[in-house]
Amino acid sequence: MHNSTWSNENILRNPDPSDPPTPASANGRLLIAAMAGDCGGIMDALDDGAGIESRNSLQMTPLMLAARGGHERAVAALLDAGADPEAMLSDNDICEVIRVHDLTRNDVILSMLAQASAGHPAP
């Protein structure tokens, strides 16, 4: 069931433009922008202090959300901004570790992730 309180429009809207966004709201805007493939929204949220490795309630990072949605330009923007291509999601219910690479079948995104992983230090 869709809850209108959590629509993109309501979350992205700043009720008082004179108030600078807080890091918590910037993180939320980053996650939503990544999920929507909104590169401008991604950069705005990062400029407002969002954490590149912030996580949603399912513990997914912006890069995971963009990859899962097949948003090639958003994936590229997040990788350029320093997102961890080796980020992992652990599902404690089934004791499975899911990597960003497991969330997409898009060959362009998989290639970008592989390239970024090659230049990324091991955890």
PDB file of N, CA and C in Angstrom:
ATOM      1  N   MET A   1       0.832  -1.177   0.000  1.00  0.00           N
ATOM      2  CA  MET A   1       0.000   0.000   0.000  1.00  0.00           C
ATOM      3  C   MET A   1       0.882   1.247   0.000  1.00  0.00           C
ATOM      4  N   HIS A   2       0.512   2.221  -0.819  1.00  0.00           N
ATOM      5  CA  HIS A   2       1.312   3.434  -0.949  1.00  0.00           C
ATOM      6  C   HIS A   2       0.922   4.439   0.131  1.00  0.00           C
ATOM      7  N   ASN A   3       1.922   4.921   0.814  1.00  0.00           N
ATOM      8  CA  ASN A   3       1.709   5.926   1.855  1.00  0.00           C
ATOM      9  C   ASN A   3       2.109   7.275   1.284  1.00  0.00           C
ATOM     10  N   SER A   4       1.143   8.165   1.055  1.00  0.00           N
ATOM     11  CA  SER A   4       1.421   9.446   0.417  1.00  0.00           C
ATOM     12  C   SER A   4       2.379  10.310   1.235  1.00  0.00           C
ATOM     13  N   THR A   5       2.489  10.076   2.520  1.00  0.00           N
ATOM     14  CA  THR A   5       3.413  10.837   3.353  1.00  0.00           C
ATOM     15  C   THR A   5       4.851  10.628   2.890  1.00  0.00           C
ATOM     16  N   TRP A   6       5.152   9.464   2.350  1.00  0.00           N
ATOM     17  CA  TRP A   6       6.508   9.131   1.930  1.00  0.00           C
ATOM     18  C   TRP A   6       6.703   9.246   0.428  1.00  0.00           C
ATOM     19  N   SER A   7       5.869   9.985  -0.265  1.00  0.00           N
ATOM     20  CA  SER A   7       6.057  10.160  -1.701  1.00  0.00           C
ATOM     21  C   SER A   7       7.323  10.972  -1.950  1.00  0.00           C
ATOM     22  N   ASN A   8       7.891  10.806  -3.128  1.00  0.00           N
ATOM     23  CA  ASN A   8       9.095  11.561  -3.479  1.00  0.00           C
ATOM     24  C   ASN A   8       8.857  13.055  -3.344  1.00  0.00           C
ATOM     25  N   GLU A   9       7.690  13.511  -3.786  1.00  0.00           N
ATOM     26  CA  GLU A   9       7.395  14.938  -3.733  1.00  0.00           C
ATOM     27  C   GLU A   9       7.438  15.459  -2.298  1.00  0.00           C
ATOM     28  N   ASN A  10       6.833  14.725  -1.362  1.00  0.00           N
ATOM     29  CA  ASN A  10       6.812  15.176   0.034  1.00  0.00           C
ATOM     30  C   ASN A  10       8.188  15.118   0.676  1.00  0.00           C
ATOM     31  N   ILE A  11       8.959  14.101   0.372  1.00  0.00           N
ATOM     32  CA  ILE A  11      10.267  13.966   1.005  1.00  0.00           C
ATOM     33  C   ILE A  11      11.247  14.983   0.440  1.00  0.00           C
ATOM     34  N   LEU A  12      11.183  15.240  -0.864  1.00  0.00           N
ATOM     35  CA  LEU A  12      12.145  16.139  -1.476  1.00  0.00           C
ATOM     36  C   LEU A  12      11.811  17.611  -1.238  1.00  0.00           C
ATOM     37  N   ARG A  13      10.589  17.904  -0.894  1.00  0.00           N
ATOM     38  CA  ARG A  13      10.165  19.288  -0.686  1.00  0.00           C
ATOM     39  C   ARG A  13      10.724  19.800   0.639  1.00  0.00           C
ATOM     40  N   ASN A  14      11.330  20.970   0.606  1.00  0.00           N
ATOM     41  CA  ASN A  14      11.819  21.601   1.824  1.00  0.00           C
ATOM     42  C   ASN A  14      10.753  22.594   2.266  1.00  0.00           C
ATOM     43  N   PRO A  15      10.051  22.342   3.375  1.00  0.00           N
ATOM     44  CA  PRO A  15       8.948  23.205   3.765  1.00  0.00           C
ATOM     45  C   PRO A  15       9.358  24.642   4.057  1.00  0.00           C
ATOM     46  N   ASP A  16      10.583  24.871   4.451  1.00  0.00           N
ATOM     47  CA  ASP A  16      11.029  26.230   4.753  1.00  0.00           C
ATOM     48  C   ASP A  16      12.366  26.462   4.052  1.00  0.00           C
ATOM     49  N   PRO A  17      12.357  27.086   2.875  1.00  0.00           N
ATOM     50  CA  PRO A  17      13.594  27.264   2.112  1.00  0.00           C
ATOM     51  C   PRO A  17      14.666  28.059   2.846  1.00  0.00           C
ATOM     52  N   SER A  18      14.300  28.810   3.879  1.00  0.00           N
ATOM     53  CA  SER A  18      15.307  29.570   4.610  1.00  0.00           C
ATOM     54  C   SER A  18      16.119  28.676   5.553  1.00  0.00           C
ATOM     55  N   ASP A  19      15.609  27.480   5.858  1.00  0.00           N
ATOM     56  CA  ASP A  19      16.342  26.536   6.701  1.00  0.00           C
ATOM     57  C   ASP A  19      17.263  25.691   5.839  1.00  0.00           C
ATOM     58  N   PRO A  20      18.557  25.665   6.154  1.00  0.00           N
ATOM     59  CA  PRO A  20      19.441  24.794   5.381  1.00  0.00           C
ATOM     60  C   PRO A  20      19.093  23.332   5.674  1.00  0.00           C
ATOM     61  N   PRO A  21      19.243  22.478   4.690  1.00  0.00           N
ATOM     62  CA  PRO A  21      18.938  21.064   4.928  1.00  0.00           C
ATOM     63  C   PRO A  21      19.866  20.466   5.974  1.00  0.00           C
ATOM     64  N   THR A  22      19.362  19.581   6.759  1.00  0.00           N
ATOM     65  CA  THR A  22      20.180  18.883   7.751  1.00  0.00           C
ATOM     66  C   THR A  22      20.805  17.668   7.091  1.00  0.00           C
ATOM     67  N   PRO A  23      21.898  17.144   7.659  1.00  0.00           N
ATOM     68  CA  PRO A  23      22.486  15.942   7.079  1.00  0.00           C
ATOM     69  C   PRO A  23      21.490  14.787   6.981  1.00  0.00           C
ATOM     70  N   ALA A  24      20.612  14.641   7.968  1.00  0.00           N
ATOM     71  CA  ALA A  24      19.641  13.543   7.915  1.00  0.00           C
ATOM     72  C   ALA A  24      18.711  13.705   6.722  1.00  0.00           C
ATOM     73  N   SER A  25      18.229  14.919   6.478  1.00  0.00           N
ATOM     74  CA  SER A  25      17.351  15.108   5.334  1.00  0.00           C
ATOM     75  C   SER A  25      18.128  14.996   4.028  1.00  0.00           C
ATOM     76  N   ALA A  26      19.392  15.408   4.035  1.00  0.00           N
ATOM     77  CA  ALA A  26      20.225  15.267   2.842  1.00  0.00           C
ATOM     78  C   ALA A  26      20.430  13.780   2.523  1.00  0.00           C
ATOM     79  N   ASN A  27      20.623  12.966   3.555  1.00  0.00           N
ATOM     80  CA  ASN A  27      20.767  11.517   3.330  1.00  0.00           C
ATOM     81  C   ASN A  27      19.499  10.943   2.706  1.00  0.00           C
ATOM     82  N   GLY A  28      18.353  11.342   3.229  1.00  0.00           N
ATOM     83  CA  GLY A  28      17.090  10.855   2.679  1.00  0.00           C
ATOM     84  C   GLY A  28      16.911  11.275   1.233  1.00  0.00           C
ATOM     85  N   ARG A  29      17.263  12.536   0.937  1.00  0.00           N
ATOM     86  CA  ARG A  29      17.148  13.016  -0.441  1.00  0.00           C
ATOM     87  C   ARG A  29      18.116  12.288  -1.359  1.00  0.00           C
ATOM     88  N   LEU A  30      19.309  11.964  -0.850  1.00  0.00           N
ATOM     89  CA  LEU A  30      20.273  11.212  -1.656  1.00  0.00           C
ATOM     90  C   LEU A  30      19.736   9.828  -1.996  1.00  0.00           C
ATOM     91  N   LEU A  31      19.192   9.149  -1.008  1.00  0.00           N
ATOM     92  CA  LEU A  31      18.661   7.809  -1.238  1.00  0.00           C
ATOM     93  C   LEU A  31      17.516   7.829  -2.252  1.00  0.00           C
ATOM     94  N   ILE A  32      16.647   8.807  -2.133  1.00  0.00           N
ATOM     95  CA  ILE A  32      15.522   8.916  -3.061  1.00  0.00           C
ATOM     96  C   ILE A  32      16.005   9.278  -4.465  1.00  0.00           C
ATOM     97  N   ALA A  33      16.950  10.199  -4.551  1.00  0.00           N
ATOM     98  CA  ALA A  33      17.484  10.586  -5.854  1.00  0.00           C
ATOM     99  C   ALA A  33      18.185   9.405  -6.529  1.00  0.00           C
ATOM    100  N   ALA A  34      18.922   8.621  -5.752  1.00  0.00           N
ATOM    101  CA  ALA A  34      19.599   7.444  -6.313  1.00  0.00           C
ATOM    102  C   ALA A  34      18.587   6.431  -6.824  1.00  0.00           C
ATOM    103  N   MET A  35      17.540   6.216  -6.057  1.00  0.00           N
ATOM    104  CA  MET A  35      16.507   5.268  -6.447  1.00  0.00           C
ATOM    105  C   MET A  35      15.814   5.727  -7.731  1.00  0.00           C
ATOM    106  N   ALA A  36      15.664   7.036  -7.898  1.00  0.00           N
ATOM    107  CA  ALA A  36      14.988   7.588  -9.076  1.00  0.00           C
ATOM    108  C   ALA A  36      15.936   7.813 -10.256  1.00  0.00           C
ATOM    109  N   GLY A  37      17.237   7.689 -10.016  1.00  0.00           N
ATOM    110  CA  GLY A  37      18.206   7.952 -11.077  1.00  0.00           C
ATOM    111  C   GLY A  37      18.367   9.439 -11.365  1.00  0.00           C
ATOM    112  N   ASP A  38      18.132  10.269 -10.373  1.00  0.00           N
ATOM    113  CA  ASP A  38      18.178  11.723 -10.501  1.00  0.00           C
ATOM    114  C   ASP A  38      19.580  12.232 -10.167  1.00  0.00           C
ATOM    115  N   CYS A  39      20.403  12.403 -11.197  1.00  0.00           N
ATOM    116  CA  CYS A  39      21.797  12.814 -10.981  1.00  0.00           C
ATOM    117  C   CYS A  39      21.908  14.194 -10.343  1.00  0.00           C
ATOM    118  N   GLY A  40      21.051  15.111 -10.753  1.00  0.00           N
ATOM    119  CA  GLY A  40      21.064  16.448 -10.147  1.00  0.00           C
ATOM    120  C   GLY A  40      20.719  16.379  -8.676  1.00  0.00           C
ATOM    121  N   GLY A  41      19.718  15.574  -8.332  1.00  0.00           N
ATOM    122  CA  GLY A  41      19.334  15.395  -6.937  1.00  0.00           C
ATOM    123  C   GLY A  41      20.442  14.743  -6.122  1.00  0.00           C
ATOM    124  N   ILE A  42      21.148  13.807  -6.744  1.00  0.00           N
ATOM    125  CA  ILE A  42      22.277  13.149  -6.075  1.00  0.00           C
ATOM    126  C   ILE A  42      23.341  14.184  -5.730  1.00  0.00           C
ATOM    127  N   MET A  43      23.718  14.998  -6.712  1.00  0.00           N
ATOM    128  CA  MET A  43      24.772  15.981  -6.475  1.00  0.00           C
ATOM    129  C   MET A  43      24.337  17.036  -5.470  1.00  0.00           C
ATOM    130  N   ASP A  44      23.071  17.466  -5.551  1.00  0.00           N
ATOM    131  CA  ASP A  44      22.570  18.451  -4.586  1.00  0.00           C
ATOM    132  C   ASP A  44      22.620  17.895  -3.168  1.00  0.00           C
ATOM    133  N   ALA A  45      22.183  16.648  -2.989  1.00  0.00           N
ATOM    134  CA  ALA A  45      22.189  16.042  -1.655  1.00  0.00           C
ATOM    135  C   ALA A  45      23.613  15.902  -1.126  1.00  0.00           C
ATOM    136  N   LEU A  46      24.540  15.497  -1.992  1.00  0.00           N
ATOM    137  CA  LEU A  46      25.944  15.384  -1.566  1.00  0.00           C
ATOM    138  C   LEU A  46      26.499  16.755  -1.196  1.00  0.00           C
ATOM    139  N   ASP A  47      26.156  17.769  -1.984  1.00  0.00           N
ATOM    140  CA  ASP A  47      26.601  19.132  -1.668  1.00  0.00           C
ATOM    141  C   ASP A  47      26.042  19.611  -0.334  1.00  0.00           C
ATOM    142  N   ASP A  48      24.871  19.100   0.043  1.00  0.00           N
ATOM    143  CA  ASP A  48      24.232  19.483   1.305  1.00  0.00           C
ATOM    144  C   ASP A  48      24.698  18.625   2.481  1.00  0.00           C
ATOM    145  N   GLY A  49      25.679  17.761   2.242  1.00  0.00           N
ATOM    146  CA  GLY A  49      26.263  16.997   3.336  1.00  0.00           C
ATOM    147  C   GLY A  49      25.806  15.561   3.480  1.00  0.00           C
ATOM    148  N   ALA A  50      25.093  15.036   2.500  1.00  0.00           N
ATOM    149  CA  ALA A  50      24.668  13.634   2.580  1.00  0.00           C
ATOM    150  C   ALA A  50      25.889  12.725   2.568  1.00  0.00           C
ATOM    151  N   GLY A  51      25.779  11.620   3.287  1.00  0.00           N
ATOM    152  CA  GLY A  51      26.855  10.639   3.318  1.00  0.00           C
ATOM    153  C   GLY A  51      26.759   9.714   2.122  1.00  0.00           C
ATOM    154  N   ILE A  52      27.837   9.601   1.366  1.00  0.00           N
ATOM    155  CA  ILE A  52      27.838   8.788   0.149  1.00  0.00           C
ATOM    156  C   ILE A  52      27.503   7.326   0.453  1.00  0.00           C
ATOM    157  N   GLU A  53      27.778   6.876   1.675  1.00  0.00           N
ATOM    158  CA  GLU A  53      27.478   5.489   2.060  1.00  0.00           C
ATOM    159  C   GLU A  53      26.294   5.408   3.020  1.00  0.00           C
ATOM    160  N   SER A  54      25.435   6.434   3.016  1.00  0.00           N
ATOM    161  CA  SER A  54      24.247   6.377   3.882  1.00  0.00           C
ATOM    162  C   SER A  54      23.403   5.172   3.472  1.00  0.00           C
ATOM    163  N   ARG A  55      22.575   4.709   4.364  1.00  0.00           N
ATOM    164  CA  ARG A  55      21.766   3.512   4.086  1.00  0.00           C
ATOM    165  C   ARG A  55      20.311   3.776   4.424  1.00  0.00           C
ATOM    166  N   ASN A  56      19.439   3.097   3.674  1.00  0.00           N
ATOM    167  CA  ASN A  56      18.012   3.208   3.962  1.00  0.00           C
ATOM    168  C   ASN A  56      17.631   2.180   5.019  1.00  0.00           C
ATOM    169  N   SER A  57      16.360   2.033   5.288  1.00  0.00           N
ATOM    170  CA  SER A  57      15.912   1.115   6.343  1.00  0.00           C
ATOM    171  C   SER A  57      16.201  -0.344   6.002  1.00  0.00           C
ATOM    172  N   LEU A  58      16.443  -0.634   4.720  1.00  0.00           N
ATOM    173  CA  LEU A  58      16.802  -1.995   4.304  1.00  0.00           C
ATOM    174  C   LEU A  58      18.313  -2.166   4.213  1.00  0.00           C
ATOM    175  N   GLN A  59      19.044  -1.144   4.673  1.00  0.00           N
ATOM    176  CA  GLN A  59      20.510  -1.121   4.687  1.00  0.00           C
ATOM    177  C   GLN A  59      21.131  -1.051   3.292  1.00  0.00           C
ATOM    178  N   MET A  60      20.400  -0.488   2.338  1.00  0.00           N
ATOM    179  CA  MET A  60      20.920  -0.320   0.982  1.00  0.00           C
ATOM    180  C   MET A  60      21.528   1.063   0.826  1.00  0.00           C
ATOM    181  N   THR A  61      22.688   1.122   0.185  1.00  0.00           N
ATOM    182  CA  THR A  61      23.365   2.391  -0.075  1.00  0.00           C
ATOM    183  C   THR A  61      22.778   3.043  -1.332  1.00  0.00           C
ATOM    184  N   PRO A  62      23.071   4.319  -1.553  1.00  0.00           N
ATOM    185  CA  PRO A  62      22.609   4.964  -2.788  1.00  0.00           C
ATOM    186  C   PRO A  62      23.089   4.221  -4.039  1.00  0.00           C
ATOM    187  N   LEU A  63      24.328   3.747  -4.027  1.00  0.00           N
ATOM    188  CA  LEU A  63      24.848   3.006  -5.186  1.00  0.00           C
ATOM    189  C   LEU A  63      24.044   1.733  -5.421  1.00  0.00           C
ATOM    190  N   MET A  64      23.704   1.041  -4.360  1.00  0.00           N
ATOM    191  CA  MET A  64      22.894  -0.173  -4.495  1.00  0.00           C
ATOM    192  C   MET A  64      21.537   0.148  -5.114  1.00  0.00           C
ATOM    193  N   LEU A  65      20.920   1.236  -4.647  1.00  0.00           N
ATOM    194  CA  LEU A  65      19.604   1.617  -5.155  1.00  0.00           C
ATOM    195  C   LEU A  65      19.673   2.005  -6.635  1.00  0.00           C
ATOM    196  N   ALA A  66      20.698   2.764  -7.003  1.00  0.00           N
ATOM    197  CA  ALA A  66      20.836   3.180  -8.397  1.00  0.00           C
ATOM    198  C   ALA A  66      21.119   1.973  -9.295  1.00  0.00           C
ATOM    199  N   ALA A  67      21.986   1.069  -8.843  1.00  0.00           N
ATOM    200  CA  ALA A  67      22.301  -0.124  -9.634  1.00  0.00           C
ATOM    201  C   ALA A  67      21.071  -1.006  -9.787  1.00  0.00           C
ATOM    202  N   ARG A  68      20.364  -1.204  -8.711  1.00  0.00           N
ATOM    203  CA  ARG A  68      19.153  -2.028  -8.738  1.00  0.00           C
ATOM    204  C   ARG A  68      18.117  -1.459  -9.701  1.00  0.00           C
ATOM    205  N   GLY A  69      18.039  -0.118  -9.788  1.00  0.00           N
ATOM    206  CA  GLY A  69      17.088   0.530 -10.679  1.00  0.00           C
ATOM    207  C   GLY A  69      17.556   0.623 -12.123  1.00  0.00           C
ATOM    208  N   GLY A  70      18.801   0.217 -12.379  1.00  0.00           N
ATOM    209  CA  GLY A  70      19.325   0.282 -13.741  1.00  0.00           C
ATOM    210  C   GLY A  70      19.666   1.688 -14.204  1.00  0.00           C
ATOM    211  N   HIS A  71      19.964   2.567 -13.276  1.00  0.00           N
ATOM    212  CA  HIS A  71      20.229   3.979 -13.587  1.00  0.00           C
ATOM    213  C   HIS A  71      21.727   4.185 -13.831  1.00  0.00           C
ATOM    214  N   GLU A  72      22.139   4.007 -15.066  1.00  0.00           N
ATOM    215  CA  GLU A  72      23.552   4.046 -15.425  1.00  0.00           C
ATOM    216  C   GLU A  72      24.224   5.375 -15.074  1.00  0.00           C
ATOM    217  N   ARG A  73      23.597   6.486 -15.420  1.00  0.00           N
ATOM    218  CA  ARG A  73      24.212   7.796 -15.134  1.00  0.00           C
ATOM    219  C   ARG A  73      24.307   8.046 -13.634  1.00  0.00           C
ATOM    220  N   ALA A  74      23.308   7.593 -12.887  1.00  0.00           N
ATOM    221  CA  ALA A  74      23.349   7.767 -11.433  1.00  0.00           C
ATOM    222  C   ALA A  74      24.459   6.913 -10.826  1.00  0.00           C
ATOM    223  N   VAL A  75      24.621   5.697 -11.320  1.00  0.00           N
ATOM    224  CA  VAL A  75      25.713   4.835 -10.846  1.00  0.00           C
ATOM    225  C   VAL A  75      27.050   5.515 -11.116  1.00  0.00           C
ATOM    226  N   ALA A  76      27.216   6.043 -12.330  1.00  0.00           N
ATOM    227  CA  ALA A  76      28.467   6.724 -12.678  1.00  0.00           C
ATOM    228  C   ALA A  76      28.707   7.926 -11.772  1.00  0.00           C
ATOM    229  N   ALA A  77      27.664   8.710 -11.517  1.00  0.00           N
ATOM    230  CA  ALA A  77      27.807   9.891 -10.655  1.00  0.00           C
ATOM    231  C   ALA A  77      28.198   9.487  -9.240  1.00  0.00           C
ATOM    232  N   LEU A  78      27.581   8.443  -8.719  1.00  0.00           N
ATOM    233  CA  LEU A  78      27.892   7.985  -7.359  1.00  0.00           C
ATOM    234  C   LEU A  78      29.310   7.427  -7.270  1.00  0.00           C
ATOM    235  N   LEU A  79      29.720   6.669  -8.282  1.00  0.00           N
ATOM    236  CA  LEU A  79      31.091   6.148  -8.282  1.00  0.00           C
ATOM    237  C   LEU A  79      32.093   7.294  -8.369  1.00  0.00           C
ATOM    238  N   ASP A  80      31.810   8.284  -9.219  1.00  0.00           N
ATOM    239  CA  ASP A  80      32.702   9.453  -9.334  1.00  0.00           C
ATOM    240  C   ASP A  80      32.792  10.216  -8.018  1.00  0.00           C
ATOM    241  N   ALA A  81      31.705  10.181  -7.249  1.00  0.00           N
ATOM    242  CA  ALA A  81      31.679  10.890  -5.959  1.00  0.00           C
ATOM    243  C   ALA A  81      32.313  10.070  -4.836  1.00  0.00           C
ATOM    244  N   GLY A  82      32.729   8.840  -5.137  1.00  0.00           N
ATOM    245  CA  GLY A  82      33.437   8.045  -4.141  1.00  0.00           C
ATOM    246  C   GLY A  82      32.649   6.914  -3.514  1.00  0.00           C
ATOM    247  N   ALA A  83      31.509   6.544  -4.087  1.00  0.00           N
ATOM    248  CA  ALA A  83      30.736   5.428  -3.528  1.00  0.00           C
ATOM    249  C   ALA A  83      31.544   4.134  -3.599  1.00  0.00           C
ATOM    250  N   ASP A  84      31.380   3.304  -2.613  1.00  0.00           N
ATOM    251  CA  ASP A  84      32.119   2.049  -2.503  1.00  0.00           C
ATOM    252  C   ASP A  84      31.491   0.985  -3.399  1.00  0.00           C
ATOM    253  N   PRO A  85      32.193   0.580  -4.469  1.00  0.00           N
ATOM    254  CA  PRO A  85      31.637  -0.441  -5.361  1.00  0.00           C
ATOM    255  C   PRO A  85      31.625  -1.832  -4.724  1.00  0.00           C
ATOM    256  N   GLU A  86      32.258  -1.956  -3.591  1.00  0.00           N
ATOM    257  CA  GLU A  86      32.304  -3.246  -2.891  1.00  0.00           C
ATOM    258  C   GLU A  86      31.369  -3.290  -1.686  1.00  0.00           C
ATOM    259  N   ALA A  87      30.490  -2.306  -1.580  1.00  0.00           N
ATOM    260  CA  ALA A  87      29.558  -2.265  -0.446  1.00  0.00           C
ATOM    261  C   ALA A  87      28.732  -3.548  -0.411  1.00  0.00           C
ATOM    262  N   MET A  88      28.460  -4.013   0.791  1.00  0.00           N
ATOM    263  CA  MET A  88      27.738  -5.265   0.952  1.00  0.00           C
ATOM    264  C   MET A  88      26.481  -5.056   1.784  1.00  0.00           C
ATOM    265  N   LEU A  89      25.526  -5.887   1.522  1.00  0.00           N
ATOM    266  CA  LEU A  89      24.275  -5.907   2.261  1.00  0.00           C
ATOM    267  C   LEU A  89      24.162  -7.298   2.847  1.00  0.00           C
ATOM    268  N   SER A  90      24.015  -7.379   4.138  1.00  0.00           N
ATOM    269  CA  SER A  90      23.932  -8.672   4.795  1.00  0.00           C
ATOM    270  C   SER A  90      22.502  -8.932   5.226  1.00  0.00           C
ATOM    271  N   ASP A  91      21.961 -10.040   4.772  1.00  0.00           N
ATOM    272  CA  ASP A  91      20.603 -10.430   5.151  1.00  0.00           C
ATOM    273  C   ASP A  91      20.714 -11.449   6.273  1.00  0.00           C
ATOM    274  N   ASN A  92      20.512 -10.986   7.487  1.00  0.00           N
ATOM    275  CA  ASN A  92      20.665 -11.859   8.646  1.00  0.00           C
ATOM    276  C   ASN A  92      19.645 -12.984   8.680  1.00  0.00           C
ATOM    277  N   ASP A  93      18.488 -12.777   8.037  1.00  0.00           N
ATOM    278  CA  ASP A  93      17.460 -13.811   8.050  1.00  0.00           C
ATOM    279  C   ASP A  93      17.893 -15.058   7.292  1.00  0.00           C
ATOM    280  N   ILE A  94      18.655 -14.864   6.221  1.00  0.00           N
ATOM    281  CA  ILE A  94      19.065 -16.026   5.438  1.00  0.00           C
ATOM    282  C   ILE A  94      20.585 -16.178   5.391  1.00  0.00           C
ATOM    283  N   CYS A  95      21.278 -15.389   6.209  1.00  0.00           N
ATOM    284  CA  CYS A  95      22.744 -15.452   6.306  1.00  0.00           C
ATOM    285  C   CYS A  95      23.397 -15.335   4.934  1.00  0.00           C
ATOM    286  N   GLU A  96      22.932 -14.393   4.151  1.00  0.00           N
ATOM    287  CA  GLU A  96      23.465 -14.189   2.805  1.00  0.00           C
ATOM    288  C   GLU A  96      24.058 -12.795   2.728  1.00  0.00           C
ATOM    289  N   VAL A  97      25.186 -12.698   2.052  1.00  0.00           N
ATOM    290  CA  VAL A  97      25.798 -11.401   1.807  1.00  0.00           C
ATOM    291  C   VAL A  97      25.531 -11.050   0.351  1.00  0.00           C
ATOM    292  N   ILE A  98      25.006  -9.860   0.133  1.00  0.00           N
ATOM    293  CA  ILE A  98      24.681  -9.398  -1.212  1.00  0.00           C
ATOM    294  C   ILE A  98      25.579  -8.224  -1.534  1.00  0.00           C
ATOM    295  N   ARG A  99      26.229  -8.279  -2.665  1.00  0.00           N
ATOM    296  CA  ARG A  99      27.083  -7.182  -3.124  1.00  0.00           C
ATOM    297  C   ARG A  99      26.316  -6.326  -4.129  1.00  0.00           C
ATOM    298  N   VAL A 100      26.820  -5.129  -4.356  1.00  0.00           N
ATOM    299  CA  VAL A 100      26.195  -4.229  -5.319  1.00  0.00           C
ATOM    300  C   VAL A 100      26.043  -4.941  -6.665  1.00  0.00           C
ATOM    301  N   HIS A 101      27.060  -5.689  -7.062  1.00  0.00           N
ATOM    302  CA  HIS A 101      27.057  -6.386  -8.349  1.00  0.00           C
ATOM    303  C   HIS A 101      25.874  -7.353  -8.479  1.00  0.00           C
ATOM    304  N   ASP A 102      25.397  -7.866  -7.357  1.00  0.00           N
ATOM    305  CA  ASP A 102      24.303  -8.839  -7.375  1.00  0.00           C
ATOM    306  C   ASP A 102      22.936  -8.193  -7.605  1.00  0.00           C
ATOM    307  N   LEU A 103      22.873  -6.883  -7.566  1.00  0.00           N
ATOM    308  CA  LEU A 103      21.591  -6.191  -7.620  1.00  0.00           C
ATOM    309  C   LEU A 103      21.185  -5.748  -9.021  1.00  0.00           C
ATOM    310  N   THR A 104      22.017  -6.022 -10.017  1.00  0.00           N
ATOM    311  CA  THR A 104      21.702  -5.594 -11.379  1.00  0.00           C
ATOM    312  C   THR A 104      22.163  -6.631 -12.381  1.00  0.00           C
ATOM    313  N   ARG A 105      21.508  -6.631 -13.523  1.00  0.00           N
ATOM    314  CA  ARG A 105      21.937  -7.454 -14.659  1.00  0.00           C
ATOM    315  C   ARG A 105      22.309  -6.566 -15.830  1.00  0.00           C
ATOM    316  N   ASN A 106      22.351  -5.266 -15.584  1.00  0.00           N
ATOM    317  CA  ASN A 106      22.685  -4.284 -16.606  1.00  0.00           C
ATOM    318  C   ASN A 106      24.187  -4.368 -16.880  1.00  0.00           C
ATOM    319  N   ASP A 107      24.552  -4.748 -18.123  1.00  0.00           N
ATOM    320  CA  ASP A 107      25.959  -4.946 -18.465  1.00  0.00           C
ATOM    321  C   ASP A 107      26.794  -3.683 -18.339  1.00  0.00           C
ATOM    322  N   VAL A 108      26.221  -2.533 -18.662  1.00  0.00           N
ATOM    323  CA  VAL A 108      26.957  -1.272 -18.547  1.00  0.00           C
ATOM    324  C   VAL A 108      27.267  -0.998 -17.077  1.00  0.00           C
ATOM    325  N   ILE A 109      26.282  -1.179 -16.211  1.00  0.00           N
ATOM    326  CA  ILE A 109      26.491  -0.957 -14.775  1.00  0.00           C
ATOM    327  C   ILE A 109      27.480  -1.967 -14.222  1.00  0.00           C
ATOM    328  N   LEU A 110      27.359  -3.218 -14.617  1.00  0.00           N
ATOM    329  CA  LEU A 110      28.305  -4.242 -14.142  1.00  0.00           C
ATOM    330  C   LEU A 110      29.731  -3.898 -14.559  1.00  0.00           C
ATOM    331  N   SER A 111      29.894  -3.393 -15.762  1.00  0.00           N
ATOM    332  CA  SER A 111      31.221  -2.991 -16.235  1.00  0.00           C
ATOM    333  C   SER A 111      31.766  -1.821 -15.419  1.00  0.00           C
ATOM    334  N   MET A 112      30.907  -0.823 -15.142  1.00  0.00           N
ATOM    335  CA  MET A 112      31.337   0.321 -14.327  1.00  0.00           C
ATOM    336  C   MET A 112      31.749  -0.136 -12.929  1.00  0.00           C
ATOM    337  N   LEU A 113      30.961  -1.030 -12.340  1.00  0.00           N
ATOM    338  CA  LEU A 113      31.269  -1.524 -10.995  1.00  0.00           C
ATOM    339  C   LEU A 113      32.576  -2.303 -10.988  1.00  0.00           C
ATOM    340  N   ALA A 114      32.796  -3.143 -12.008  1.00  0.00           N
ATOM    341  CA  ALA A 114      34.032  -3.923 -12.089  1.00  0.00           C
ATOM    342  C   ALA A 114      35.242  -3.008 -12.234  1.00  0.00           C
ATOM    343  N   GLN A 115      35.097  -1.998 -13.081  1.00  0.00           N
ATOM    344  CA  GLN A 115      36.191  -1.041 -13.274  1.00  0.00           C
ATOM    345  C   GLN A 115      36.493  -0.294 -11.971  1.00  0.00           C
ATOM    346  N   ALA A 116      35.434   0.149 -11.285  1.00  0.00           N
ATOM    347  CA  ALA A 116      35.625   0.883 -10.034  1.00  0.00           C
ATOM    348  C   ALA A 116      36.217  -0.030  -8.960  1.00  0.00           C
ATOM    349  N   SER A 117      35.792  -1.284  -8.931  1.00  0.00           N
ATOM    350  CA  SER A 117      36.305  -2.231  -7.932  1.00  0.00           C
ATOM    351  C   SER A 117      37.789  -2.487  -8.137  1.00  0.00           C
ATOM    352  N   ALA A 118      38.221  -2.504  -9.374  1.00  0.00           N
ATOM    353  CA  ALA A 118      39.634  -2.762  -9.679  1.00  0.00           C
ATOM    354  C   ALA A 118      40.518  -1.682  -9.076  1.00  0.00           C
ATOM    355  N   GLY A 119      40.017  -0.463  -9.002  1.00  0.00           N
ATOM    356  CA  GLY A 119      40.805   0.634  -8.447  1.00  0.00           C
ATOM    357  C   GLY A 119      40.474   0.962  -7.016  1.00  0.00           C
ATOM    358  N   HIS A 120      39.649   0.137  -6.381  1.00  0.00           N
ATOM    359  CA  HIS A 120      39.195   0.403  -5.010  1.00  0.00           C
ATOM    360  C   HIS A 120      39.963  -0.499  -4.055  1.00  0.00           C
ATOM    361  N   PRO A 121      40.500   0.055  -2.964  1.00  0.00           N
ATOM    362  CA  PRO A 121      41.224  -0.781  -2.006  1.00  0.00           C
ATOM    363  C   PRO A 121      40.317  -1.806  -1.350  1.00  0.00           C
ATOM    364  N   ALA A 122      40.861  -2.967  -1.083  1.00  0.00           N
ATOM    365  CA  ALA A 122      40.088  -4.034  -0.413  1.00  0.00           C
ATOM    366  C   ALA A 122      39.737  -3.602   0.999  1.00  0.00           C
ATOM    367  N   PRO A 123      38.522  -4.019   1.477  1.00  0.00           N
ATOM    368  CA  PRO A 123      38.105  -3.636   2.842  1.00  0.00           C
ATOM    369  C   PRO A 123      38.946  -4.281   3.903  1.00  0.00           C
TER     370      PRO A 123
END
